[in-house]
Amino acid sequence: HDADMKYDLILSSPKKFDDELHHSSHFMNFSNEENSDTFSTDREDRFS
């Protein structure tokens, strides 16, 4: 962390809650799981 760090701000209306920009990484992780050969039921449940 640097107290003198420079950054830009743009004032605008907030995105909708379900906007793609809010969950793009989550969606990509989900889609990668869906395309893989390993399904969630095939994974070891370490909490059982």
Protein backbone atom coordinates (compact mmCIF):
# COMPACT_ATOMS: atom_id res chain seq x y z
CA HIS A 1 0.00 0.00 0.00
CA ASP A 2 1.30 3.45 -0.94
CA ALA A 3 -0.36 6.60 0.42
CA ASP A 4 0.85 8.56 -2.63
CA MET A 5 -0.59 6.08 -5.13
CA LYS A 6 -2.35 7.76 -8.08
CA TYR A 7 -5.66 6.48 -9.46
CA ASP A 8 -8.54 7.70 -11.63
CA LEU A 9 -12.22 7.91 -10.73
CA ILE A 10 -15.12 8.28 -13.12
CA LEU A 11 -18.49 9.41 -11.81
CA SER A 12 -21.35 7.49 -13.38
CA SER A 13 -24.44 5.49 -12.55
CA PRO A 14 -23.76 2.15 -10.87
CA LYS A 15 -24.13 -1.06 -12.84
CA LYS A 16 -27.15 -3.27 -12.22
CA PHE A 17 -26.68 -5.90 -9.51
CA ASP A 18 -26.78 -8.74 -12.05
CA ASP A 19 -24.53 -6.99 -14.58
CA GLU A 20 -22.02 -9.27 -16.29
CA LEU A 21 -19.10 -7.15 -15.08
CA HIS A 22 -19.92 -8.02 -11.46
CA HIS A 23 -19.71 -11.76 -11.93
CA SER A 24 -17.58 -12.40 -15.00
CA SER A 25 -14.84 -14.27 -13.13
CA HIS A 26 -17.39 -16.35 -11.22
CA PHE A 27 -19.15 -17.20 -14.47
CA MET A 28 -15.87 -18.19 -16.12
CA ASN A 29 -15.02 -20.49 -13.21
CA PHE A 30 -18.48 -22.05 -13.41
CA SER A 31 -18.27 -22.55 -17.17
CA ASN A 32 -14.80 -24.11 -16.86
CA GLU A 33 -16.15 -26.60 -14.31
CA GLU A 34 -19.06 -27.43 -16.58
CA ASN A 35 -16.72 -28.17 -19.49
CA SER A 36 -14.30 -30.29 -17.48
CA ASP A 37 -14.46 -34.06 -17.18
CA THR A 38 -14.68 -33.87 -13.38
CA PHE A 39 -18.07 -33.08 -11.92
CA SER A 40 -18.65 -31.76 -8.42
CA THR A 41 -20.14 -35.11 -7.37
CA ASP A 42 -16.88 -36.81 -8.36
CA ARG A 43 -14.80 -34.67 -6.03
CA GLU A 44 -13.85 -35.70 -2.54
CA ASP A 45 -15.97 -34.12 0.19
CA ARG A 46 -13.43 -33.23 2.87
CA PHE A 47 -16.12 -32.05 5.30
CA SER A 48 -18.10 -35.30 5.45
